[in-house]
Amino acid sequence: MTVREAAQETIRWRQTFGDRALPVAVEEHTLNGTFAAHGHDFVEVVLVRTGRGAHRSFAGEVELGEGAVLVIRPGAWHQYVGCEALRVVNCCFAAHLLAKELAWCREDPALESLLWTGPFDVRRRGVLVYDGSSTSGLDALLASLAAAASRAAQVGNLVCLLAELADGYQSPAEPGRTIDSTIAACVSMLEGDLARNWSLDDLARQAALDPSHLVRKFRRTTGLPPMAYLARLRAEAAAALLVGSKIPIGKIAEKVGWPDPNYFARRFRAHFSVSATEYRAEGKVLLNHEEHKGH
């Protein structure tokens, strides 16, 4: 990263997370009308308080009302349309928490479904929308999270909030499902080194498992075989970099482990249904749209 890119990243960070540069931000907005589609390089959890509107993403359009909860992964485009006094609370947290302080959440079936499996189930393209009206105690948790003045306090309160939200999400997972610690470790390895030329045999050696056994366990835990899961991680990381940086697309391809430009182009389009160039061009326009100011 160049000095200029680092400075731009700092500006983007402060715009979202404030001058304290802590990894979590909580804001409340009242939305009226239609807002520009946008993406970002952090995780966003949205709680709808009152009002009405609709949410549009690659997964389609969903009507929003009181009690709706949205979980939006990094790189996923989304848009609010036809809003009428739609009051929402946004809880945004840095994506690196998923690989650090929140990595253990993969071993909790409810949290894993909320943060990982849910947003990608049935090709949701990184956006989960569900009815969380039965969830209770959110006001106190949000107040504590917003008032937290240290990283430790923020992460602790964030975990409590996510646990409450996970309880309200009716996951399609089988009752009693557990998260295999070996697979959780494999996912952490993949996330930690996307640029590596991973193969199934390589990952199986790292996990000390037979490749076919690894595939069965991986699919049972995540819903996908290992290499398909890796492709999803790479596409998501590429999308976040396209939206949140000015890094050339060729460099982004290298960073996420698809150094061949043609192969990168095919895999990115397969995941997001548009080319990387189109994704970046449209994203830059939409992110600077006047209607999006303040959101």
C-alpha atoms as a PDB file:
ATOM      1  CA  MET A   1       0.000   0.000   0.000  1.00  0.00           C
ATOM      2  CA  THR A   2       1.364   3.417  -0.979  1.00  0.00           C
ATOM      3  CA  VAL A   3       1.407   6.431   1.335  1.00  0.00           C
ATOM      4  CA  ARG A   4      -1.462   7.943  -0.653  1.00  0.00           C
ATOM      5  CA  GLU A   5      -3.535   4.770  -0.414  1.00  0.00           C
ATOM      6  CA  ALA A   6      -2.834   4.556   3.310  1.00  0.00           C
ATOM      7  CA  ALA A   7      -3.998   8.152   3.766  1.00  0.00           C
ATOM      8  CA  GLN A   8      -7.184   7.467   1.794  1.00  0.00           C
ATOM      9  CA  GLU A   9      -7.836   4.359   3.856  1.00  0.00           C
ATOM     10  CA  THR A  10      -7.459   6.416   7.042  1.00  0.00           C
ATOM     11  CA  ILE A  11     -10.008   8.937   5.762  1.00  0.00           C
ATOM     12  CA  ARG A  12     -12.493   6.190   4.901  1.00  0.00           C
ATOM     13  CA  TRP A  13     -11.980   4.598   8.299  1.00  0.00           C
ATOM     14  CA  ARG A  14     -12.590   7.850  10.158  1.00  0.00           C
ATOM     15  CA  GLN A  15     -15.683   8.609   8.111  1.00  0.00           C
ATOM     16  CA  THR A  16     -17.197   5.342   9.283  1.00  0.00           C
ATOM     17  CA  PHE A  17     -15.642   4.625  12.653  1.00  0.00           C
ATOM     18  CA  GLY A  18     -14.706   8.084  13.938  1.00  0.00           C
ATOM     19  CA  ASP A  19     -11.459   9.662  15.043  1.00  0.00           C
ATOM     20  CA  ARG A  20     -10.913   7.095  17.796  1.00  0.00           C
ATOM     21  CA  ALA A  21     -10.340   4.509  15.042  1.00  0.00           C
ATOM     22  CA  LEU A  22     -12.048   1.815  17.096  1.00  0.00           C
ATOM     23  CA  PRO A  23     -13.326  -1.165  15.113  1.00  0.00           C
ATOM     24  CA  VAL A  24     -17.066  -0.737  15.794  1.00  0.00           C
ATOM     25  CA  ALA A  25     -19.479   2.119  15.050  1.00  0.00           C
ATOM     26  CA  VAL A  26     -23.171   2.480  15.928  1.00  0.00           C
ATOM     27  CA  GLU A  27     -25.347   5.074  14.175  1.00  0.00           C
ATOM     28  CA  GLU A  28     -29.063   5.748  13.751  1.00  0.00           C
ATOM     29  CA  HIS A  29     -30.640   7.116  10.549  1.00  0.00           C
ATOM     30  CA  THR A  30     -34.102   7.916   9.244  1.00  0.00           C
ATOM     31  CA  LEU A  31     -34.356   7.112   5.543  1.00  0.00           C
ATOM     32  CA  ASN A  32     -36.818   8.628   3.098  1.00  0.00           C
ATOM     33  CA  GLY A  33     -36.884   7.929  -0.619  1.00  0.00           C
ATOM     34  CA  THR A  34     -34.483   5.797  -2.617  1.00  0.00           C
ATOM     35  CA  PHE A  35     -30.773   5.689  -1.898  1.00  0.00           C
ATOM     36  CA  ALA A  36     -27.886   4.790  -4.158  1.00  0.00           C
ATOM     37  CA  ALA A  37     -26.638   1.214  -4.117  1.00  0.00           C
ATOM     38  CA  HIS A  38     -23.367   0.912  -2.262  1.00  0.00           C
ATOM     39  CA  GLY A  39     -20.811  -1.508  -0.889  1.00  0.00           C
ATOM     40  CA  HIS A  40     -18.173  -1.295   1.804  1.00  0.00           C
ATOM     41  CA  ASP A  41     -15.238  -3.174   3.260  1.00  0.00           C
ATOM     42  CA  PHE A  42     -16.705  -3.778   6.722  1.00  0.00           C
ATOM     43  CA  VAL A  43     -19.539  -5.888   8.130  1.00  0.00           C
ATOM     44  CA  GLU A  44     -22.819  -4.032   8.606  1.00  0.00           C
ATOM     45  CA  VAL A  45     -25.693  -5.150  10.812  1.00  0.00           C
ATOM     46  CA  VAL A  46     -28.900  -3.152  10.323  1.00  0.00           C
ATOM     47  CA  LEU A  47     -31.869  -3.162  12.685  1.00  0.00           C
ATOM     48  CA  VAL A  48     -35.123  -1.633  11.433  1.00  0.00           C
ATOM     49  CA  ARG A  49     -36.968   0.265  14.154  1.00  0.00           C
ATOM     50  CA  THR A  50     -40.003   1.770  12.445  1.00  0.00           C
ATOM     51  CA  GLY A  51     -41.255   2.838   9.036  1.00  0.00           C
ATOM     52  CA  ARG A  52     -41.302   0.965   5.781  1.00  0.00           C
ATOM     53  CA  GLY A  53     -39.232   0.458   2.673  1.00  0.00           C
ATOM     54  CA  ALA A  54     -37.457  -2.213   0.691  1.00  0.00           C
ATOM     55  CA  HIS A  55     -33.936  -3.569   0.512  1.00  0.00           C
ATOM     56  CA  ARG A  56     -32.395  -4.501  -2.818  1.00  0.00           C
ATOM     57  CA  SER A  57     -29.265  -6.588  -3.409  1.00  0.00           C
ATOM     58  CA  PHE A  58     -28.023  -9.315  -5.749  1.00  0.00           C
ATOM     59  CA  ALA A  59     -30.291 -11.645  -3.780  1.00  0.00           C
ATOM     60  CA  GLY A  60     -33.357  -9.654  -4.905  1.00  0.00           C
ATOM     61  CA  GLU A  61     -35.714  -7.168  -3.257  1.00  0.00           C
ATOM     62  CA  VAL A  62     -37.177  -7.681   0.220  1.00  0.00           C
ATOM     63  CA  GLU A  63     -39.791  -5.563   1.979  1.00  0.00           C
ATOM     64  CA  LEU A  64     -38.599  -4.086   5.268  1.00  0.00           C
ATOM     65  CA  GLY A  65     -40.642  -3.330   8.350  1.00  0.00           C
ATOM     66  CA  GLU A  66     -40.302  -3.038  12.089  1.00  0.00           C
ATOM     67  CA  GLY A  67     -38.035  -5.738  13.505  1.00  0.00           C
ATOM     68  CA  ALA A  68     -36.201  -6.632  10.300  1.00  0.00           C
ATOM     69  CA  VAL A  69     -32.508  -7.446  10.668  1.00  0.00           C
ATOM     70  CA  LEU A  70     -29.931  -7.300   7.876  1.00  0.00           C
ATOM     71  CA  VAL A  71     -26.410  -8.723   7.952  1.00  0.00           C
ATOM     72  CA  ILE A  72     -24.262  -7.429   5.089  1.00  0.00           C
ATOM     73  CA  ARG A  73     -20.847  -8.928   4.463  1.00  0.00           C
ATOM     74  CA  PRO A  74     -17.911  -6.925   3.051  1.00  0.00           C
ATOM     75  CA  GLY A  75     -18.069  -6.269  -0.679  1.00  0.00           C
ATOM     76  CA  ALA A  76     -21.795  -6.954  -1.038  1.00  0.00           C
ATOM     77  CA  TRP A  77     -23.803  -4.252  -2.800  1.00  0.00           C
ATOM     78  CA  HIS A  78     -27.128  -3.257  -1.316  1.00  0.00           C
ATOM     79  CA  GLN A  79     -29.672  -0.468  -1.663  1.00  0.00           C
ATOM     80  CA  TYR A  80     -32.667   1.021   0.148  1.00  0.00           C
ATOM     81  CA  VAL A  81     -35.643   1.864  -2.079  1.00  0.00           C
ATOM     82  CA  GLY A  82     -39.021   3.511  -1.502  1.00  0.00           C
ATOM     83  CA  CYS A  83     -38.319   4.327   2.135  1.00  0.00           C
ATOM     84  CA  GLU A  84     -40.972   6.093   4.195  1.00  0.00           C
ATOM     85  CA  ALA A  85     -39.613   7.240   7.567  1.00  0.00           C
ATOM     86  CA  LEU A  86     -37.563   4.062   7.761  1.00  0.00           C
ATOM     87  CA  ARG A  87     -35.657   4.386  11.031  1.00  0.00           C
ATOM     88  CA  VAL A  88     -32.651   2.089  11.175  1.00  0.00           C
ATOM     89  CA  VAL A  89     -29.747   1.470  13.518  1.00  0.00           C
ATOM     90  CA  ASN A  90     -26.488   0.560  11.783  1.00  0.00           C
ATOM     91  CA  CYS A  91     -23.858  -1.411  13.654  1.00  0.00           C
ATOM     92  CA  CYS A  92     -20.693  -1.582  11.557  1.00  0.00           C
ATOM     93  CA  PHE A  93     -17.563  -3.470  12.494  1.00  0.00           C
ATOM     94  CA  ALA A  94     -14.229  -4.001  10.803  1.00  0.00           C
ATOM     95  CA  ALA A  95     -13.908  -7.193   8.771  1.00  0.00           C
ATOM     96  CA  HIS A  96     -10.617  -8.095  10.414  1.00  0.00           C
ATOM     97  CA  LEU A  97     -12.498  -8.837  13.644  1.00  0.00           C
ATOM     98  CA  LEU A  98     -13.940 -11.918  11.911  1.00  0.00           C
ATOM     99  CA  ALA A  99     -10.454 -13.348  11.536  1.00  0.00           C
ATOM    100  CA  LYS A 100      -9.265 -12.213  14.976  1.00  0.00           C
ATOM    101  CA  GLU A 101     -11.427 -11.561  18.026  1.00  0.00           C
ATOM    102  CA  LEU A 102     -14.538 -13.115  16.478  1.00  0.00           C
ATOM    103  CA  ALA A 103     -12.851 -16.110  14.827  1.00  0.00           C
ATOM    104  CA  TRP A 104     -14.086 -18.404  17.592  1.00  0.00           C
ATOM    105  CA  CYS A 105     -17.684 -17.588  16.590  1.00  0.00           C
ATOM    106  CA  ARG A 106     -17.383 -20.177  13.822  1.00  0.00           C
ATOM    107  CA  GLU A 107     -17.464 -22.849  16.502  1.00  0.00           C
ATOM    108  CA  ASP A 108     -20.854 -21.610  17.730  1.00  0.00           C
ATOM    109  CA  PRO A 109     -23.568 -22.859  15.328  1.00  0.00           C
ATOM    110  CA  ALA A 110     -25.903 -19.889  15.854  1.00  0.00           C
ATOM    111  CA  LEU A 111     -23.214 -17.236  15.385  1.00  0.00           C
ATOM    112  CA  GLU A 112     -21.690 -19.121  12.468  1.00  0.00           C
ATOM    113  CA  SER A 113     -25.082 -19.169  10.750  1.00  0.00           C
ATOM    114  CA  LEU A 114     -25.629 -15.453  11.378  1.00  0.00           C
ATOM    115  CA  LEU A 115     -22.224 -14.221  10.210  1.00  0.00           C
ATOM    116  CA  TRP A 116     -21.050 -16.772   7.653  1.00  0.00           C
ATOM    117  CA  THR A 117     -23.453 -19.419   6.415  1.00  0.00           C
ATOM    118  CA  GLY A 118     -26.627 -17.311   6.516  1.00  0.00           C
ATOM    119  CA  PRO A 119     -25.479 -14.434   4.269  1.00  0.00           C
ATOM    120  CA  PHE A 120     -24.350 -16.906   1.613  1.00  0.00           C
ATOM    121  CA  ASP A 121     -27.030 -19.567   1.872  1.00  0.00           C
ATOM    122  CA  VAL A 122     -28.848 -20.148  -1.440  1.00  0.00           C
ATOM    123  CA  ARG A 123     -26.523 -17.673  -3.177  1.00  0.00           C
ATOM    124  CA  ARG A 124     -27.556 -14.623  -1.166  1.00  0.00           C
ATOM    125  CA  ARG A 125     -24.332 -12.963  -2.331  1.00  0.00           C
ATOM    126  CA  GLY A 126     -23.355 -11.821   1.146  1.00  0.00           C
ATOM    127  CA  VAL A 127     -26.664 -10.328   2.346  1.00  0.00           C
ATOM    128  CA  LEU A 128     -28.926 -11.909   4.978  1.00  0.00           C
ATOM    129  CA  VAL A 129     -32.358 -10.405   5.739  1.00  0.00           C
ATOM    130  CA  TYR A 130     -34.624 -11.936   8.374  1.00  0.00           C
ATOM    131  CA  ASP A 131     -37.398 -11.102  10.809  1.00  0.00           C
ATOM    132  CA  GLY A 132     -35.866 -10.354  14.175  1.00  0.00           C
ATOM    133  CA  SER A 133     -38.995  -8.925  15.785  1.00  0.00           C
ATOM    134  CA  SER A 134     -38.885 -11.622  18.470  1.00  0.00           C
ATOM    135  CA  THR A 135     -35.433 -10.500  19.572  1.00  0.00           C
ATOM    136  CA  SER A 136     -35.456  -8.682  22.920  1.00  0.00           C
ATOM    137  CA  GLY A 137     -33.004  -6.566  24.899  1.00  0.00           C
ATOM    138  CA  LEU A 138     -31.418  -4.904  21.878  1.00  0.00           C
ATOM    139  CA  ASP A 139     -31.774  -1.325  23.123  1.00  0.00           C
ATOM    140  CA  ALA A 140     -29.604  -1.869  26.185  1.00  0.00           C
ATOM    141  CA  LEU A 141     -27.019  -3.815  24.197  1.00  0.00           C
ATOM    142  CA  LEU A 142     -26.817  -1.115  21.516  1.00  0.00           C
ATOM    143  CA  ALA A 143     -26.487   1.612  24.130  1.00  0.00           C
ATOM    144  CA  SER A 144     -23.625  -0.242  25.829  1.00  0.00           C
ATOM    145  CA  LEU A 145     -21.923  -0.845  22.495  1.00  0.00           C
ATOM    146  CA  ALA A 146     -22.246   2.793  21.427  1.00  0.00           C
ATOM    147  CA  ALA A 147     -20.821   3.993  24.757  1.00  0.00           C
ATOM    148  CA  ALA A 148     -17.870   1.571  24.789  1.00  0.00           C
ATOM    149  CA  ALA A 149     -14.623   3.530  24.769  1.00  0.00           C
ATOM    150  CA  SER A 150     -12.056   0.770  24.269  1.00  0.00           C
ATOM    151  CA  ARG A 151     -11.513  -2.029  21.799  1.00  0.00           C
ATOM    152  CA  ALA A 152     -12.031  -4.663  24.483  1.00  0.00           C
ATOM    153  CA  ALA A 153     -15.315  -3.111  25.608  1.00  0.00           C
ATOM    154  CA  GLN A 154     -16.527  -2.780  22.028  1.00  0.00           C
ATOM    155  CA  VAL A 155     -15.731  -6.374  21.120  1.00  0.00           C
ATOM    156  CA  GLY A 156     -17.320  -7.686  24.306  1.00  0.00           C
ATOM    157  CA  ASN A 157     -20.527  -5.751  23.759  1.00  0.00           C
ATOM    158  CA  LEU A 158     -20.535  -6.648  20.065  1.00  0.00           C
ATOM    159  CA  VAL A 159     -20.436 -10.359  20.927  1.00  0.00           C
ATOM    160  CA  CYS A 160     -23.414  -9.908  23.262  1.00  0.00           C
ATOM    161  CA  LEU A 161     -25.357  -8.092  20.530  1.00  0.00           C
ATOM    162  CA  LEU A 162     -24.534 -10.707  17.900  1.00  0.00           C
ATOM    163  CA  ALA A 163     -25.522 -13.516  20.273  1.00  0.00           C
ATOM    164  CA  GLU A 164     -28.920 -11.891  20.825  1.00  0.00           C
ATOM    165  CA  LEU A 165     -29.415 -11.427  17.095  1.00  0.00           C
ATOM    166  CA  ALA A 166     -28.347 -15.016  16.402  1.00  0.00           C
ATOM    167  CA  ASP A 167     -30.977 -16.273  18.833  1.00  0.00           C
ATOM    168  CA  GLY A 168     -33.616 -14.532  16.729  1.00  0.00           C
ATOM    169  CA  TYR A 169     -32.392 -15.980  13.427  1.00  0.00           C
ATOM    170  CA  GLN A 170     -34.149 -19.218  12.548  1.00  0.00           C
ATOM    171  CA  SER A 171     -31.216 -20.948  10.914  1.00  0.00           C
ATOM    172  CA  PRO A 172     -31.958 -23.725   8.438  1.00  0.00           C
ATOM    173  CA  ALA A 173     -29.199 -25.714  10.102  1.00  0.00           C
ATOM    174  CA  GLU A 174     -30.084 -29.033  11.668  1.00  0.00           C
ATOM    175  CA  PRO A 175     -30.905 -28.913  15.412  1.00  0.00           C
ATOM    176  CA  GLY A 176     -27.920 -29.761  17.507  1.00  0.00           C
ATOM    177  CA  ARG A 177     -25.459 -29.091  14.679  1.00  0.00           C
ATOM    178  CA  THR A 178     -21.942 -28.452  15.900  1.00  0.00           C
ATOM    179  CA  ILE A 179     -19.053 -26.682  14.216  1.00  0.00           C
ATOM    180  CA  ASP A 180     -16.030 -28.885  13.713  1.00  0.00           C
ATOM    181  CA  SER A 181     -12.948 -27.229  15.220  1.00  0.00           C
ATOM    182  CA  THR A 182     -10.719 -28.718  12.517  1.00  0.00           C
ATOM    183  CA  ILE A 183     -12.824 -27.098   9.798  1.00  0.00           C
ATOM    184  CA  ALA A 184     -12.885 -23.810  11.687  1.00  0.00           C
ATOM    185  CA  ALA A 185      -9.074 -23.949  11.738  1.00  0.00           C
ATOM    186  CA  CYS A 186      -9.022 -24.680   7.995  1.00  0.00           C
ATOM    187  CA  VAL A 187     -11.216 -21.662   7.287  1.00  0.00           C
ATOM    188  CA  SER A 188      -8.891 -19.489   9.372  1.00  0.00           C
ATOM    189  CA  MET A 189      -5.917 -20.747   7.358  1.00  0.00           C
ATOM    190  CA  LEU A 190      -7.642 -19.935   4.073  1.00  0.00           C
ATOM    191  CA  GLU A 191      -8.669 -16.472   5.253  1.00  0.00           C
ATOM    192  CA  GLY A 192      -5.195 -15.774   6.563  1.00  0.00           C
ATOM    193  CA  ASP A 193      -3.438 -16.489   3.260  1.00  0.00           C
ATOM    194  CA  LEU A 194      -5.772 -15.974   0.305  1.00  0.00           C
ATOM    195  CA  ALA A 195      -2.851 -15.390  -2.055  1.00  0.00           C
ATOM    196  CA  ARG A 196      -1.456 -18.877  -1.468  1.00  0.00           C
ATOM    197  CA  ASN A 197      -1.880 -21.366  -4.295  1.00  0.00           C
ATOM    198  CA  TRP A 198      -4.144 -23.619  -2.251  1.00  0.00           C
ATOM    199  CA  SER A 199      -5.134 -27.073  -3.423  1.00  0.00           C
ATOM    200  CA  LEU A 200      -7.385 -29.619  -1.790  1.00  0.00           C
ATOM    201  CA  ASP A 201      -4.412 -31.887  -1.095  1.00  0.00           C
ATOM    202  CA  ASP A 202      -2.456 -29.008   0.432  1.00  0.00           C
ATOM    203  CA  LEU A 203      -5.309 -28.067   2.786  1.00  0.00           C
ATOM    204  CA  ALA A 204      -5.884 -31.716   3.667  1.00  0.00           C
ATOM    205  CA  ARG A 205      -2.218 -32.064   4.658  1.00  0.00           C
ATOM    206  CA  GLN A 206      -2.493 -28.991   6.862  1.00  0.00           C
ATOM    207  CA  ALA A 207      -5.582 -30.477   8.514  1.00  0.00           C
ATOM    208  CA  ALA A 208      -4.074 -33.969   8.752  1.00  0.00           C
ATOM    209  CA  LEU A 209      -7.128 -35.423   7.004  1.00  0.00           C
ATOM    210  CA  ASP A 210      -7.746 -37.530   3.931  1.00  0.00           C
ATOM    211  CA  PRO A 211      -8.923 -35.161   1.132  1.00  0.00           C
ATOM    212  CA  SER A 212     -12.269 -36.921   0.666  1.00  0.00           C
ATOM    213  CA  HIS A 213     -12.867 -36.878   4.425  1.00  0.00           C
ATOM    214  CA  LEU A 214     -12.017 -33.184   4.514  1.00  0.00           C
ATOM    215  CA  VAL A 215     -14.522 -32.456   1.750  1.00  0.00           C
ATOM    216  CA  ARG A 216     -17.303 -34.267   3.610  1.00  0.00           C
ATOM    217  CA  LYS A 217     -16.569 -32.510   6.905  1.00  0.00           C
ATOM    218  CA  PHE A 218     -16.141 -29.137   5.225  1.00  0.00           C
ATOM    219  CA  ARG A 219     -19.424 -29.421   3.325  1.00  0.00           C
ATOM    220  CA  ARG A 220     -21.259 -30.582   6.448  1.00  0.00           C
ATOM    221  CA  THR A 221     -19.912 -27.589   8.410  1.00  0.00           C
ATOM    222  CA  THR A 222     -20.075 -24.760   5.855  1.00  0.00           C
ATOM    223  CA  GLY A 223     -22.434 -26.008   3.165  1.00  0.00           C
ATOM    224  CA  LEU A 224     -19.661 -25.897   0.552  1.00  0.00           C
ATOM    225  CA  PRO A 225     -16.598 -27.976  -0.357  1.00  0.00           C
ATOM    226  CA  PRO A 226     -13.245 -26.368   0.553  1.00  0.00           C
ATOM    227  CA  MET A 227     -12.264 -24.965  -2.843  1.00  0.00           C
ATOM    228  CA  ALA A 228     -15.734 -23.490  -3.453  1.00  0.00           C
ATOM    229  CA  TYR A 229     -15.593 -21.875  -0.027  1.00  0.00           C
ATOM    230  CA  LEU A 230     -12.152 -20.469  -0.845  1.00  0.00           C
ATOM    231  CA  ALA A 231     -13.507 -19.038  -4.110  1.00  0.00           C
ATOM    232  CA  ARG A 232     -16.248 -17.270  -2.161  1.00  0.00           C
ATOM    233  CA  LEU A 233     -13.705 -15.801   0.258  1.00  0.00           C
ATOM    234  CA  ARG A 234     -11.557 -14.579  -2.619  1.00  0.00           C
ATOM    235  CA  ALA A 235     -14.478 -13.008  -4.475  1.00  0.00           C
ATOM    236  CA  GLU A 236     -15.643 -11.241  -1.311  1.00  0.00           C
ATOM    237  CA  ALA A 237     -12.147  -9.931  -0.581  1.00  0.00           C
ATOM    238  CA  ALA A 238     -11.762  -8.731  -4.169  1.00  0.00           C
ATOM    239  CA  ALA A 239     -15.112  -6.930  -4.046  1.00  0.00           C
ATOM    240  CA  ALA A 240     -14.154  -5.159  -0.827  1.00  0.00           C
ATOM    241  CA  LEU A 241     -10.859  -3.999  -2.352  1.00  0.00           C
ATOM    242  CA  LEU A 242     -12.588  -2.839  -5.547  1.00  0.00           C
ATOM    243  CA  VAL A 243     -15.021  -0.702  -3.559  1.00  0.00           C
ATOM    244  CA  GLY A 244     -12.690   0.437  -0.792  1.00  0.00           C
ATOM    245  CA  SER A 245      -9.389   1.117  -2.577  1.00  0.00           C
ATOM    246  CA  LYS A 246      -7.763   2.311  -5.782  1.00  0.00           C
ATOM    247  CA  ILE A 247      -5.530  -0.737  -6.085  1.00  0.00           C
ATOM    248  CA  PRO A 248      -5.312  -1.824  -9.761  1.00  0.00           C
ATOM    249  CA  ILE A 249      -7.494  -4.788 -10.589  1.00  0.00           C
ATOM    250  CA  GLY A 250      -4.458  -6.855 -11.571  1.00  0.00           C
ATOM    251  CA  LYS A 251      -2.933  -6.303  -8.137  1.00  0.00           C
ATOM    252  CA  ILE A 252      -6.218  -7.179  -6.463  1.00  0.00           C
ATOM    253  CA  ALA A 253      -6.276 -10.425  -8.436  1.00  0.00           C
ATOM    254  CA  GLU A 254      -2.822 -11.265  -7.079  1.00  0.00           C
ATOM    255  CA  LYS A 255      -3.775 -10.322  -3.511  1.00  0.00           C
ATOM    256  CA  VAL A 256      -6.745 -12.683  -3.449  1.00  0.00           C
ATOM    257  CA  GLY A 257      -4.957 -15.616  -5.041  1.00  0.00           C
ATOM    258  CA  TRP A 258      -6.187 -15.445  -8.642  1.00  0.00           C
ATOM    259  CA  PRO A 259      -3.123 -13.941 -10.359  1.00  0.00           C
ATOM    260  CA  ASP A 260      -4.205 -14.910 -13.884  1.00  0.00           C
ATOM    261  CA  PRO A 261      -6.307 -11.926 -15.085  1.00  0.00           C
ATOM    262  CA  ASN A 262      -8.595 -14.021 -17.277  1.00  0.00           C
ATOM    263  CA  TYR A 263      -9.253 -16.562 -14.565  1.00  0.00           C
ATOM    264  CA  PHE A 264      -9.862 -13.797 -12.022  1.00  0.00           C
ATOM    265  CA  ALA A 265     -12.326 -12.156 -14.404  1.00  0.00           C
ATOM    266  CA  ARG A 266     -14.280 -15.385 -14.880  1.00  0.00           C
ATOM    267  CA  ARG A 267     -14.441 -16.224 -11.185  1.00  0.00           C
ATOM    268  CA  PHE A 268     -15.427 -12.725 -10.136  1.00  0.00           C
ATOM    269  CA  ARG A 269     -18.222 -12.567 -12.702  1.00  0.00           C
ATOM    270  CA  ALA A 270     -19.446 -16.002 -11.658  1.00  0.00           C
ATOM    271  CA  HIS A 271     -19.885 -14.757  -8.104  1.00  0.00           C
ATOM    272  CA  PHE A 272     -21.210 -11.200  -8.599  1.00  0.00           C
ATOM    273  CA  SER A 273     -22.752 -11.465 -12.088  1.00  0.00           C
ATOM    274  CA  VAL A 274     -20.784  -8.415 -13.300  1.00  0.00           C
ATOM    275  CA  SER A 275     -17.152  -7.882 -14.234  1.00  0.00           C
ATOM    276  CA  ALA A 276     -14.674  -6.470 -11.742  1.00  0.00           C
ATOM    277  CA  THR A 277     -14.350  -3.344 -13.884  1.00  0.00           C
ATOM    278  CA  GLU A 278     -18.116  -2.813 -13.905  1.00  0.00           C
ATOM    279  CA  TYR A 279     -18.321  -3.517 -10.176  1.00  0.00           C
ATOM    280  CA  ARG A 280     -15.679  -0.911  -9.400  1.00  0.00           C
ATOM    281  CA  ALA A 281     -16.952   1.705 -11.881  1.00  0.00           C
ATOM    282  CA  GLU A 282     -20.548   1.511 -10.752  1.00  0.00           C
ATOM    283  CA  GLY A 283     -19.553   1.277  -7.120  1.00  0.00           C
ATOM    284  CA  LYS A 284     -17.445   4.435  -7.289  1.00  0.00           C
ATOM    285  CA  VAL A 285     -20.289   6.377  -8.880  1.00  0.00           C
ATOM    286  CA  LEU A 286     -22.844   5.120  -6.418  1.00  0.00           C
ATOM    287  CA  LEU A 287     -20.665   5.652  -3.371  1.00  0.00           C
ATOM    288  CA  ASN A 288     -20.251   9.307  -4.313  1.00  0.00           C
ATOM    289  CA  HIS A 289     -23.928   9.817  -5.089  1.00  0.00           C
ATOM    290  CA  GLU A 290     -25.410  12.849  -3.363  1.00  0.00           C
ATOM    291  CA  GLU A 291     -28.318  10.805  -2.035  1.00  0.00           C
ATOM    292  CA  HIS A 292     -25.908   8.580  -0.162  1.00  0.00           C
ATOM    293  CA  LYS A 293     -24.329  11.370   1.889  1.00  0.00           C
ATOM    294  CA  GLY A 294     -24.828  10.874   5.547  1.00  0.00           C
ATOM    295  CA  HIS A 295     -25.641   7.175   5.271  1.00  0.00           C
END
